[in-house]
Amino acid sequence: MDISVIVPLYNEAESLPKLYEWIERVMNENGFSYEVIFVNDGSTDDSWRVIEQLKSLSGQQMRRGLVRGICFRRNYGKSAALYCGFRAAEGEVVITMDADLQDSPDEIPALYKMITEEGYDLVSGWKQKRYDNALTKNLPSKLFNATARRVTGIHLHDMNCGLKAYRREVVKNIEVFSEMHRYIPYLAKNAGFTKIGEKVVQHRKREFGSSKFGMSRFVNGYLDLMTLWFLNKFGKQPMHFFGLVGSLMFFIGFVAICVVGGMKLYALHHGVHAMLVGVNPYFHISILMMILGCMLFLAGFLGELIIRNSPSRNDYLISKEI
């Protein structure tokens, strides 16, 4: 099979027939064998009934493409939908797109060519001209992407674009969890798939319904980015972080308490009045730093014990083998 198109959706019943018809037309014009996997993320409207109708219609007319559906019992989020879609995909190239008709299926042939002929592992869309609200979406999106480029080292203008193309090996070797769908290129890079590109794609105005994402996604996105950075940097060696920071804090606290004690002894030796060590605030700050240093160091040890007993501690991606 040439292409798997994965469409995560939540309450998009009105747009699904038009989207599928559009995908089908593009695929038939280019002679692709394909499957469309609709992942219904706990929709409360008629989305699943529409998917069943599309599946039935596809089977009756013996069409070239296959319609598949996955339905969650409740809303788990886009990352969960993509994870299940990736697991089910069978195409050599996997395309993801949103169900709101803002992503154009006409981009699929060019994305497919970039993967199969130009050798990219992953190609992300770049909505250079957007039709979203400039204040609530465009400006925060630019700040978000600038931060992501800085932290990840991947120079994409629109890392969170829903329209992406992947080599099949990529989606089978990354795990999308929590709300990490925003950083799939970073997950792919950490897994060793480094040929990541982007393509300017058409952005269209939403025809039905409203956006399901609020402003909280930018705060959550920043926190998720820091999580991924930390896991990539210290996920296998937690002692390298906690041990270093803990040792540094303990050392500073120890030096500080020695200074406080030394100043008290100097004052006593020269008969100068000095504050009691027990009521000196610097003494308590020094003790606190030493305690925190010990706790961080122990956290590093516990992290190493957890890693040692993890079943995935020796999971490495092998590119080729003879």
C-alpha atoms as a PDB file:
ATOM      1  CA  MET A   1       0.000   0.000   0.000  1.00  0.00           C
ATOM      2  CA  ASP A   2       1.334   3.424  -0.956  1.00  0.00           C
ATOM      3  CA  ILE A   3      -0.239   5.805   1.555  1.00  0.00           C
ATOM      4  CA  SER A   4      -2.003   5.743   4.894  1.00  0.00           C
ATOM      5  CA  VAL A   5      -3.916   8.935   5.700  1.00  0.00           C
ATOM      6  CA  ILE A   6      -4.581   9.338   9.427  1.00  0.00           C
ATOM      7  CA  VAL A   7      -7.324  11.787  10.412  1.00  0.00           C
ATOM      8  CA  PRO A   8      -7.757  12.383  14.170  1.00  0.00           C
ATOM      9  CA  LEU A   9     -11.071  14.072  14.873  1.00  0.00           C
ATOM     10  CA  TYR A  10     -13.354  15.336  17.591  1.00  0.00           C
ATOM     11  CA  ASN A  11     -16.889  16.477  16.704  1.00  0.00           C
ATOM     12  CA  GLU A  12     -16.246  17.009  12.986  1.00  0.00           C
ATOM     13  CA  ALA A  13     -19.242  15.145  11.525  1.00  0.00           C
ATOM     14  CA  GLU A  14     -20.094  17.901   9.049  1.00  0.00           C
ATOM     15  CA  SER A  15     -16.672  18.033   7.412  1.00  0.00           C
ATOM     16  CA  LEU A  16     -15.926  14.299   7.114  1.00  0.00           C
ATOM     17  CA  PRO A  17     -17.853  13.474   3.883  1.00  0.00           C
ATOM     18  CA  LYS A  18     -16.294  16.398   2.028  1.00  0.00           C
ATOM     19  CA  LEU A  19     -12.837  15.584   3.370  1.00  0.00           C
ATOM     20  CA  TYR A  20     -13.038  11.937   2.342  1.00  0.00           C
ATOM     21  CA  GLU A  21     -14.368  12.810  -1.116  1.00  0.00           C
ATOM     22  CA  TRP A  22     -11.464  15.234  -1.552  1.00  0.00           C
ATOM     23  CA  ILE A  23      -8.875  12.670  -0.409  1.00  0.00           C
ATOM     24  CA  GLU A  24     -10.394  10.030  -2.691  1.00  0.00           C
ATOM     25  CA  ARG A  25     -10.279  12.321  -5.709  1.00  0.00           C
ATOM     26  CA  VAL A  26      -6.614  13.208  -5.144  1.00  0.00           C
ATOM     27  CA  MET A  27      -5.634   9.577  -4.638  1.00  0.00           C
ATOM     28  CA  ASN A  28      -7.450   8.356  -7.741  1.00  0.00           C
ATOM     29  CA  GLU A  29      -6.006  11.122  -9.909  1.00  0.00           C
ATOM     30  CA  ASN A  30      -2.495  10.058  -8.903  1.00  0.00           C
ATOM     31  CA  GLY A  31      -3.086   6.299  -8.962  1.00  0.00           C
ATOM     32  CA  PHE A  32      -2.199   5.694  -5.308  1.00  0.00           C
ATOM     33  CA  SER A  33      -3.294   2.662  -3.341  1.00  0.00           C
ATOM     34  CA  TYR A  34      -4.319   4.005   0.044  1.00  0.00           C
ATOM     35  CA  GLU A  35      -6.227   3.736   3.278  1.00  0.00           C
ATOM     36  CA  VAL A  36      -7.911   6.475   5.296  1.00  0.00           C
ATOM     37  CA  ILE A  37      -7.897   5.879   9.046  1.00  0.00           C
ATOM     38  CA  PHE A  38     -10.384   8.033  10.929  1.00  0.00           C
ATOM     39  CA  VAL A  39      -9.641   8.126  14.670  1.00  0.00           C
ATOM     40  CA  ASN A  40     -12.736   9.320  16.511  1.00  0.00           C
ATOM     41  CA  ASP A  41     -11.498  10.850  19.766  1.00  0.00           C
ATOM     42  CA  GLY A  42     -14.658  10.384  21.800  1.00  0.00           C
ATOM     43  CA  SER A  43     -16.856  12.672  19.703  1.00  0.00           C
ATOM     44  CA  THR A  44     -20.287  13.548  21.081  1.00  0.00           C
ATOM     45  CA  ASP A  45     -21.839  14.300  17.685  1.00  0.00           C
ATOM     46  CA  ASP A  46     -22.554  11.962  14.742  1.00  0.00           C
ATOM     47  CA  SER A  47     -18.911  11.609  13.676  1.00  0.00           C
ATOM     48  CA  TRP A  48     -18.780   7.850  14.212  1.00  0.00           C
ATOM     49  CA  ARG A  49     -22.028   7.284  12.331  1.00  0.00           C
ATOM     50  CA  VAL A  50     -20.602   9.259   9.394  1.00  0.00           C
ATOM     51  CA  ILE A  51     -17.422   7.148   9.472  1.00  0.00           C
ATOM     52  CA  GLU A  52     -19.530   3.973   9.385  1.00  0.00           C
ATOM     53  CA  GLN A  53     -21.417   5.338   6.375  1.00  0.00           C
ATOM     54  CA  LEU A  54     -18.176   6.153   4.566  1.00  0.00           C
ATOM     55  CA  LYS A  55     -16.897   2.648   5.326  1.00  0.00           C
ATOM     56  CA  SER A  56     -20.098   1.065   4.020  1.00  0.00           C
ATOM     57  CA  LEU A  57     -20.089   3.222   0.891  1.00  0.00           C
ATOM     58  CA  SER A  58     -16.453   2.381   0.191  1.00  0.00           C
ATOM     59  CA  GLY A  59     -17.140  -1.347   0.475  1.00  0.00           C
ATOM     60  CA  GLN A  60     -20.238  -1.267  -1.722  1.00  0.00           C
ATOM     61  CA  GLN A  61     -18.554   0.581  -4.577  1.00  0.00           C
ATOM     62  CA  MET A  62     -15.347  -1.492  -4.461  1.00  0.00           C
ATOM     63  CA  ARG A  63     -13.211   1.610  -4.383  1.00  0.00           C
ATOM     64  CA  ARG A  64      -9.462   1.631  -4.615  1.00  0.00           C
ATOM     65  CA  GLY A  65      -9.058   3.051  -1.112  1.00  0.00           C
ATOM     66  CA  LEU A  66      -9.843   1.423   2.203  1.00  0.00           C
ATOM     67  CA  VAL A  67     -11.728   3.222   4.984  1.00  0.00           C
ATOM     68  CA  ARG A  68     -10.854   2.255   8.528  1.00  0.00           C
ATOM     69  CA  GLY A  69     -12.172   3.651  11.787  1.00  0.00           C
ATOM     70  CA  ILE A  70     -11.011   3.698  15.400  1.00  0.00           C
ATOM     71  CA  CYS A  71     -13.397   4.980  18.074  1.00  0.00           C
ATOM     72  CA  PHE A  72     -12.410   5.938  21.626  1.00  0.00           C
ATOM     73  CA  ARG A  73     -14.925   5.598  24.443  1.00  0.00           C
ATOM     74  CA  ARG A  74     -14.055   9.096  25.642  1.00  0.00           C
ATOM     75  CA  ASN A  75     -11.905  12.049  24.641  1.00  0.00           C
ATOM     76  CA  TYR A  76      -8.219  11.221  25.181  1.00  0.00           C
ATOM     77  CA  GLY A  77      -6.587  13.919  23.060  1.00  0.00           C
ATOM     78  CA  LYS A  78      -4.809  14.198  19.745  1.00  0.00           C
ATOM     79  CA  SER A  79      -1.651  12.400  20.867  1.00  0.00           C
ATOM     80  CA  ALA A  80      -3.591   9.266  21.772  1.00  0.00           C
ATOM     81  CA  ALA A  81      -5.446   9.406  18.446  1.00  0.00           C
ATOM     82  CA  LEU A  82      -2.197   9.692  16.488  1.00  0.00           C
ATOM     83  CA  TYR A  83      -0.568   6.903  18.491  1.00  0.00           C
ATOM     84  CA  CYS A  84      -3.379   4.485  17.636  1.00  0.00           C
ATOM     85  CA  GLY A  85      -3.435   5.659  14.035  1.00  0.00           C
ATOM     86  CA  PHE A  86       0.330   5.131  13.693  1.00  0.00           C
ATOM     87  CA  ARG A  87       0.018   1.647  15.161  1.00  0.00           C
ATOM     88  CA  ALA A  88      -2.707   0.719  12.662  1.00  0.00           C
ATOM     89  CA  ALA A  89      -1.131   2.304   9.557  1.00  0.00           C
ATOM     90  CA  GLU A  90       0.085  -0.049   6.823  1.00  0.00           C
ATOM     91  CA  GLY A  91       1.128   2.367   4.071  1.00  0.00           C
ATOM     92  CA  GLU A  92       4.734   2.984   3.068  1.00  0.00           C
ATOM     93  CA  VAL A  93       4.135   6.714   3.549  1.00  0.00           C
ATOM     94  CA  VAL A  94       1.926   7.994   6.367  1.00  0.00           C
ATOM     95  CA  ILE A  95       0.118  11.314   6.026  1.00  0.00           C
ATOM     96  CA  THR A  96      -1.574  13.034   8.971  1.00  0.00           C
ATOM     97  CA  MET A  97      -4.092  15.824   8.569  1.00  0.00           C
ATOM     98  CA  ASP A  98      -6.786  17.488  10.630  1.00  0.00           C
ATOM     99  CA  ALA A  99     -10.446  16.841   9.950  1.00  0.00           C
ATOM    100  CA  ASP A 100     -11.567  20.481   9.871  1.00  0.00           C
ATOM    101  CA  LEU A 101     -10.794  21.001   6.140  1.00  0.00           C
ATOM    102  CA  GLN A 102      -8.085  23.543   6.943  1.00  0.00           C
ATOM    103  CA  ASP A 103      -5.481  21.094   5.574  1.00  0.00           C
ATOM    104  CA  SER A 104      -5.635  20.521   1.825  1.00  0.00           C
ATOM    105  CA  PRO A 105      -5.416  16.914   0.505  1.00  0.00           C
ATOM    106  CA  ASP A 106      -4.045  18.409  -2.723  1.00  0.00           C
ATOM    107  CA  GLU A 107      -0.686  18.602  -0.906  1.00  0.00           C
ATOM    108  CA  ILE A 108      -0.460  14.807  -0.572  1.00  0.00           C
ATOM    109  CA  PRO A 109       1.278  13.992  -3.904  1.00  0.00           C
ATOM    110  CA  ALA A 110       4.070  16.521  -3.284  1.00  0.00           C
ATOM    111  CA  LEU A 111       4.557  15.303   0.285  1.00  0.00           C
ATOM    112  CA  TYR A 112       4.648  11.699  -0.948  1.00  0.00           C
ATOM    113  CA  LYS A 113       7.300  12.610  -3.500  1.00  0.00           C
ATOM    114  CA  MET A 114       9.481  14.302  -0.869  1.00  0.00           C
ATOM    115  CA  ILE A 115       9.449  11.111   1.196  1.00  0.00           C
ATOM    116  CA  THR A 116       9.885   8.538  -1.574  1.00  0.00           C
ATOM    117  CA  GLU A 117      12.084  10.397  -4.060  1.00  0.00           C
ATOM    118  CA  GLU A 118      13.922  13.049  -2.059  1.00  0.00           C
ATOM    119  CA  GLY A 119      14.675  10.762   0.863  1.00  0.00           C
ATOM    120  CA  TYR A 120      13.131  12.674   3.749  1.00  0.00           C
ATOM    121  CA  ASP A 121      12.160  10.799   6.899  1.00  0.00           C
ATOM    122  CA  LEU A 122       9.584  13.392   7.877  1.00  0.00           C
ATOM    123  CA  VAL A 123       8.139  16.436   6.120  1.00  0.00           C
ATOM    124  CA  SER A 124       6.166  19.002   8.084  1.00  0.00           C
ATOM    125  CA  GLY A 125       3.766  21.460   6.522  1.00  0.00           C
ATOM    126  CA  TRP A 126       4.321  25.200   6.886  1.00  0.00           C
ATOM    127  CA  LYS A 127       1.189  27.323   6.774  1.00  0.00           C
ATOM    128  CA  GLN A 128       3.004  30.427   5.637  1.00  0.00           C
ATOM    129  CA  LYS A 129      -0.230  32.339   5.064  1.00  0.00           C
ATOM    130  CA  ARG A 130      -2.763  31.690   7.803  1.00  0.00           C
ATOM    131  CA  TYR A 131      -6.415  32.605   8.161  1.00  0.00           C
ATOM    132  CA  ASP A 132      -6.546  32.335  11.949  1.00  0.00           C
ATOM    133  CA  ASN A 133      -6.965  35.172  14.422  1.00  0.00           C
ATOM    134  CA  ALA A 134      -3.646  37.045  14.506  1.00  0.00           C
ATOM    135  CA  LEU A 135      -3.797  37.887  18.211  1.00  0.00           C
ATOM    136  CA  THR A 136      -4.962  34.587  19.695  1.00  0.00           C
ATOM    137  CA  LYS A 137      -3.276  32.138  17.287  1.00  0.00           C
ATOM    138  CA  ASN A 138      -0.728  33.610  14.883  1.00  0.00           C
ATOM    139  CA  LEU A 139       1.410  35.605  17.326  1.00  0.00           C
ATOM    140  CA  PRO A 140       1.483  32.925  20.077  1.00  0.00           C
ATOM    141  CA  SER A 141       2.229  30.318  17.389  1.00  0.00           C
ATOM    142  CA  LYS A 142       5.252  32.294  16.176  1.00  0.00           C
ATOM    143  CA  LEU A 143       6.606  32.617  19.721  1.00  0.00           C
ATOM    144  CA  PHE A 144       5.970  28.924  20.337  1.00  0.00           C
ATOM    145  CA  ASN A 145       7.787  27.864  17.171  1.00  0.00           C
ATOM    146  CA  ALA A 146      10.723  30.200  17.851  1.00  0.00           C
ATOM    147  CA  THR A 147      11.171  28.619  21.290  1.00  0.00           C
ATOM    148  CA  ALA A 148      10.827  25.103  19.863  1.00  0.00           C
ATOM    149  CA  ARG A 149      13.470  25.800  17.187  1.00  0.00           C
ATOM    150  CA  ARG A 150      15.841  27.085  19.847  1.00  0.00           C
ATOM    151  CA  VAL A 151      15.436  24.116  22.166  1.00  0.00           C
ATOM    152  CA  THR A 152      15.173  21.270  19.646  1.00  0.00           C
ATOM    153  CA  GLY A 153      17.618  22.486  17.019  1.00  0.00           C
ATOM    154  CA  ILE A 154      15.078  21.638  14.294  1.00  0.00           C
ATOM    155  CA  HIS A 155      14.505  24.601  12.016  1.00  0.00           C
ATOM    156  CA  LEU A 156      10.810  24.274  11.221  1.00  0.00           C
ATOM    157  CA  HIS A 157       8.542  27.283  10.924  1.00  0.00           C
ATOM    158  CA  ASP A 158       5.409  25.390  11.994  1.00  0.00           C
ATOM    159  CA  MET A 159       6.302  22.369  14.125  1.00  0.00           C
ATOM    160  CA  ASN A 160       2.715  21.839  15.256  1.00  0.00           C
ATOM    161  CA  CYS A 161       1.204  21.759  11.757  1.00  0.00           C
ATOM    162  CA  GLY A 162      -1.269  18.883  11.518  1.00  0.00           C
ATOM    163  CA  LEU A 163      -0.343  18.157   7.897  1.00  0.00           C
ATOM    164  CA  LYS A 164       2.769  15.980   7.933  1.00  0.00           C
ATOM    165  CA  ALA A 165       4.242  13.090   5.949  1.00  0.00           C
ATOM    166  CA  TYR A 166       6.329  10.278   7.429  1.00  0.00           C
ATOM    167  CA  ARG A 167       8.308   7.329   6.249  1.00  0.00           C
ATOM    168  CA  ARG A 168       6.620   4.233   7.668  1.00  0.00           C
ATOM    169  CA  GLU A 169       9.660   3.374   9.821  1.00  0.00           C
ATOM    170  CA  VAL A 170       9.329   6.679  11.629  1.00  0.00           C
ATOM    171  CA  VAL A 171       5.795   6.202  12.938  1.00  0.00           C
ATOM    172  CA  LYS A 172       6.561   2.624  13.970  1.00  0.00           C
ATOM    173  CA  ASN A 173       9.554   3.689  16.067  1.00  0.00           C
ATOM    174  CA  ILE A 174       8.283   6.716  17.975  1.00  0.00           C
ATOM    175  CA  GLU A 175       5.803   6.839  20.824  1.00  0.00           C
ATOM    176  CA  VAL A 176       3.415   9.787  20.923  1.00  0.00           C
ATOM    177  CA  PHE A 177       2.043  10.251  24.446  1.00  0.00           C
ATOM    178  CA  SER A 178       0.498  12.863  26.741  1.00  0.00           C
ATOM    179  CA  GLU A 179       0.274  15.977  24.513  1.00  0.00           C
ATOM    180  CA  MET A 180       3.542  15.380  22.669  1.00  0.00           C
ATOM    181  CA  HIS A 181       1.935  15.478  19.204  1.00  0.00           C
ATOM    182  CA  ARG A 182       3.230  19.060  19.021  1.00  0.00           C
ATOM    183  CA  TYR A 183       6.787  17.774  18.999  1.00  0.00           C
ATOM    184  CA  ILE A 184       6.666  14.742  16.724  1.00  0.00           C
ATOM    185  CA  PRO A 185       9.637  16.068  14.670  1.00  0.00           C
ATOM    186  CA  TYR A 186      11.654  16.253  17.904  1.00  0.00           C
ATOM    187  CA  LEU A 187      10.588  12.716  18.847  1.00  0.00           C
ATOM    188  CA  ALA A 188      11.684  11.539  15.391  1.00  0.00           C
ATOM    189  CA  LYS A 189      15.027  13.333  15.711  1.00  0.00           C
ATOM    190  CA  ASN A 190      15.644  11.743  19.119  1.00  0.00           C
ATOM    191  CA  ALA A 191      14.893   8.343  17.560  1.00  0.00           C
ATOM    192  CA  GLY A 192      17.595   8.900  14.938  1.00  0.00           C
ATOM    193  CA  PHE A 193      15.489  10.093  11.989  1.00  0.00           C
ATOM    194  CA  THR A 194      17.363  13.276  11.227  1.00  0.00           C
ATOM    195  CA  LYS A 195      16.363  14.091   7.633  1.00  0.00           C
ATOM    196  CA  ILE A 196      13.463  16.377   8.489  1.00  0.00           C
ATOM    197  CA  GLY A 197      12.140  18.943   6.031  1.00  0.00           C
ATOM    198  CA  GLU A 198       9.197  21.223   5.533  1.00  0.00           C
ATOM    199  CA  LYS A 199       6.942  22.290   2.700  1.00  0.00           C
ATOM    200  CA  VAL A 200       4.832  25.406   2.339  1.00  0.00           C
ATOM    201  CA  VAL A 201       1.212  24.227   2.323  1.00  0.00           C
ATOM    202  CA  GLN A 202      -2.126  25.869   1.773  1.00  0.00           C
ATOM    203  CA  HIS A 203      -4.106  26.906   4.830  1.00  0.00           C
ATOM    204  CA  ARG A 204      -7.866  27.213   4.470  1.00  0.00           C
ATOM    205  CA  LYS A 205     -10.530  28.808   6.603  1.00  0.00           C
ATOM    206  CA  ARG A 206     -12.558  26.480   8.803  1.00  0.00           C
ATOM    207  CA  GLU A 207     -15.914  25.707   7.142  1.00  0.00           C
ATOM    208  CA  PHE A 208     -17.733  24.009  10.010  1.00  0.00           C
ATOM    209  CA  GLY A 209     -17.666  24.211  13.780  1.00  0.00           C
ATOM    210  CA  SER A 210     -14.986  25.873  15.869  1.00  0.00           C
ATOM    211  CA  SER A 211     -11.470  25.122  17.084  1.00  0.00           C
ATOM    212  CA  LYS A 212     -11.181  22.568  19.891  1.00  0.00           C
ATOM    213  CA  PHE A 213      -7.939  24.018  21.297  1.00  0.00           C
ATOM    214  CA  GLY A 214      -7.738  26.933  23.748  1.00  0.00           C
ATOM    215  CA  MET A 215      -4.941  29.235  24.873  1.00  0.00           C
ATOM    216  CA  SER A 216      -3.861  26.680  27.488  1.00  0.00           C
ATOM    217  CA  ARG A 217      -2.151  24.701  24.722  1.00  0.00           C
ATOM    218  CA  PHE A 218       0.699  27.226  24.642  1.00  0.00           C
ATOM    219  CA  VAL A 219       1.439  26.851  28.377  1.00  0.00           C
ATOM    220  CA  ASN A 220       1.130  23.070  28.143  1.00  0.00           C
ATOM    221  CA  GLY A 221       3.259  23.101  25.010  1.00  0.00           C
ATOM    222  CA  TYR A 222       6.099  24.895  26.793  1.00  0.00           C
ATOM    223  CA  LEU A 223       5.999  22.448  29.711  1.00  0.00           C
ATOM    224  CA  ASP A 224       5.925  19.461  27.333  1.00  0.00           C
ATOM    225  CA  LEU A 225       8.908  20.879  25.447  1.00  0.00           C
ATOM    226  CA  MET A 226      10.928  21.101  28.672  1.00  0.00           C
ATOM    227  CA  THR A 227       9.883  17.531  29.518  1.00  0.00           C
ATOM    228  CA  LEU A 228      11.053  16.206  26.162  1.00  0.00           C
ATOM    229  CA  TRP A 229      14.321  18.116  26.398  1.00  0.00           C
ATOM    230  CA  PHE A 230      14.996  16.685  29.860  1.00  0.00           C
ATOM    231  CA  LEU A 231      14.065  13.123  28.875  1.00  0.00           C
ATOM    232  CA  ASN A 232      16.276  13.295  25.805  1.00  0.00           C
ATOM    233  CA  LYS A 233      19.191  14.749  27.747  1.00  0.00           C
ATOM    234  CA  PHE A 234      19.001  12.808  31.014  1.00  0.00           C
ATOM    235  CA  GLY A 235      16.357  10.111  30.499  1.00  0.00           C
ATOM    236  CA  LYS A 236      18.956   7.317  30.535  1.00  0.00           C
ATOM    237  CA  GLN A 237      21.330   8.949  33.063  1.00  0.00           C
ATOM    238  CA  PRO A 238      19.244  10.808  35.692  1.00  0.00           C
ATOM    239  CA  MET A 239      22.226  10.881  38.068  1.00  0.00           C
ATOM    240  CA  HIS A 240      24.054  13.136  35.599  1.00  0.00           C
ATOM    241  CA  PHE A 241      21.484  15.842  36.342  1.00  0.00           C
ATOM    242  CA  PHE A 242      20.311  15.241  39.892  1.00  0.00           C
ATOM    243  CA  GLY A 243      23.742  14.172  41.117  1.00  0.00           C
ATOM    244  CA  LEU A 244      25.464  17.213  39.632  1.00  0.00           C
ATOM    245  CA  VAL A 245      22.920  19.745  40.905  1.00  0.00           C
ATOM    246  CA  GLY A 246      22.702  18.019  44.289  1.00  0.00           C
ATOM    247  CA  SER A 247      26.477  17.900  44.724  1.00  0.00           C
ATOM    248  CA  LEU A 248      26.775  21.559  43.741  1.00  0.00           C
ATOM    249  CA  MET A 249      24.098  22.640  46.223  1.00  0.00           C
ATOM    250  CA  PHE A 250      25.629  20.542  49.007  1.00  0.00           C
ATOM    251  CA  PHE A 251      29.080  21.982  48.322  1.00  0.00           C
ATOM    252  CA  ILE A 252      27.824  25.591  48.338  1.00  0.00           C
ATOM    253  CA  GLY A 253      25.873  24.968  51.562  1.00  0.00           C
ATOM    254  CA  PHE A 254      28.877  23.312  53.182  1.00  0.00           C
ATOM    255  CA  VAL A 255      31.192  26.194  52.262  1.00  0.00           C
ATOM    256  CA  ALA A 256      28.618  28.721  53.473  1.00  0.00           C
ATOM    257  CA  ILE A 257      28.177  27.008  56.841  1.00  0.00           C
ATOM    258  CA  CYS A 258      31.949  26.839  57.252  1.00  0.00           C
ATOM    259  CA  VAL A 259      32.127  30.586  56.605  1.00  0.00           C
ATOM    260  CA  VAL A 260      29.396  31.265  59.192  1.00  0.00           C
ATOM    261  CA  GLY A 261      31.180  29.082  61.740  1.00  0.00           C
ATOM    262  CA  GLY A 262      34.549  30.619  60.917  1.00  0.00           C
ATOM    263  CA  MET A 263      33.217  34.146  61.381  1.00  0.00           C
ATOM    264  CA  LYS A 264      31.790  33.174  64.778  1.00  0.00           C
ATOM    265  CA  LEU A 265      35.101  31.640  65.909  1.00  0.00           C
ATOM    266  CA  TYR A 266      36.998  34.703  64.672  1.00  0.00           C
ATOM    267  CA  ALA A 267      34.694  36.985  66.679  1.00  0.00           C
ATOM    268  CA  LEU A 268      35.083  34.881  69.831  1.00  0.00           C
ATOM    269  CA  HIS A 269      38.872  34.780  69.453  1.00  0.00           C
ATOM    270  CA  HIS A 270      39.107  38.564  69.182  1.00  0.00           C
ATOM    271  CA  GLY A 271      36.458  39.282  71.814  1.00  0.00           C
ATOM    272  CA  VAL A 272      34.064  40.867  69.339  1.00  0.00           C
ATOM    273  CA  HIS A 273      30.321  40.539  69.833  1.00  0.00           C
ATOM    274  CA  ALA A 274      28.731  38.357  67.124  1.00  0.00           C
ATOM    275  CA  MET A 275      25.284  36.940  66.419  1.00  0.00           C
ATOM    276  CA  LEU A 276      24.553  33.460  67.726  1.00  0.00           C
ATOM    277  CA  VAL A 277      25.031  30.833  65.053  1.00  0.00           C
ATOM    278  CA  GLY A 278      21.590  29.361  65.778  1.00  0.00           C
ATOM    279  CA  VAL A 279      19.804  32.616  64.999  1.00  0.00           C
ATOM    280  CA  ASN A 280      21.933  33.564  62.003  1.00  0.00           C
ATOM    281  CA  PRO A 281      19.701  33.293  58.866  1.00  0.00           C
ATOM    282  CA  TYR A 282      22.697  32.341  56.728  1.00  0.00           C
ATOM    283  CA  PHE A 283      23.223  29.281  58.929  1.00  0.00           C
ATOM    284  CA  HIS A 284      19.692  28.040  58.233  1.00  0.00           C
ATOM    285  CA  ILE A 285      19.993  28.771  54.512  1.00  0.00           C
ATOM    286  CA  SER A 286      23.245  26.792  54.416  1.00  0.00           C
ATOM    287  CA  ILE A 287      21.675  23.837  56.220  1.00  0.00           C
ATOM    288  CA  LEU A 288      18.699  23.942  53.835  1.00  0.00           C
ATOM    289  CA  MET A 289      21.002  23.879  50.800  1.00  0.00           C
ATOM    290  CA  MET A 290      22.909  20.883  52.183  1.00  0.00           C
ATOM    291  CA  ILE A 291      19.652  19.014  52.856  1.00  0.00           C
ATOM    292  CA  LEU A 292      18.291  19.803  49.391  1.00  0.00           C
ATOM    293  CA  GLY A 293      21.599  18.736  47.862  1.00  0.00           C
ATOM    294  CA  CYS A 294      21.406  15.371  49.639  1.00  0.00           C
ATOM    295  CA  MET A 295      17.779  14.906  48.531  1.00  0.00           C
ATOM    296  CA  LEU A 296      18.606  15.662  44.883  1.00  0.00           C
ATOM    297  CA  PHE A 297      21.568  13.294  45.008  1.00  0.00           C
ATOM    298  CA  LEU A 298      19.326  10.548  46.413  1.00  0.00           C
ATOM    299  CA  ALA A 299      16.743  11.329  43.702  1.00  0.00           C
ATOM    300  CA  GLY A 300      19.478  10.631  41.152  1.00  0.00           C
ATOM    301  CA  PHE A 301      20.201   7.271  42.808  1.00  0.00           C
ATOM    302  CA  LEU A 302      16.503   6.364  42.788  1.00  0.00           C
ATOM    303  CA  GLY A 303      16.279   7.358  39.146  1.00  0.00           C
ATOM    304  CA  GLU A 304      19.206   5.090  38.296  1.00  0.00           C
ATOM    305  CA  LEU A 305      17.578   2.187  40.167  1.00  0.00           C
ATOM    306  CA  ILE A 306      14.326   2.721  38.257  1.00  0.00           C
ATOM    307  CA  ILE A 307      16.175   2.845  34.923  1.00  0.00           C
ATOM    308  CA  ARG A 308      18.134  -0.303  35.789  1.00  0.00           C
ATOM    309  CA  ASN A 309      14.891  -2.215  36.361  1.00  0.00           C
ATOM    310  CA  SER A 310      13.073  -0.749  33.353  1.00  0.00           C
ATOM    311  CA  PRO A 311      12.298  -3.298  30.602  1.00  0.00           C
ATOM    312  CA  SER A 312      13.132  -0.661  27.973  1.00  0.00           C
ATOM    313  CA  ARG A 313      16.600   0.222  29.317  1.00  0.00           C
ATOM    314  CA  ASN A 314      18.290  -1.482  26.357  1.00  0.00           C
ATOM    315  CA  ASP A 315      15.844  -0.509  23.625  1.00  0.00           C
ATOM    316  CA  TYR A 316      17.923   0.813  20.743  1.00  0.00           C
ATOM    317  CA  LEU A 317      16.768   1.523  17.195  1.00  0.00           C
ATOM    318  CA  ILE A 318      18.779  -0.500  14.694  1.00  0.00           C
ATOM    319  CA  SER A 319      18.935   1.032  11.240  1.00  0.00           C
ATOM    320  CA  LYS A 320      20.571  -1.855   9.342  1.00  0.00           C
ATOM    321  CA  GLU A 321      21.929  -5.279  10.131  1.00  0.00           C
ATOM    322  CA  ILE A 322      23.960  -7.783   8.134  1.00  0.00           C
END
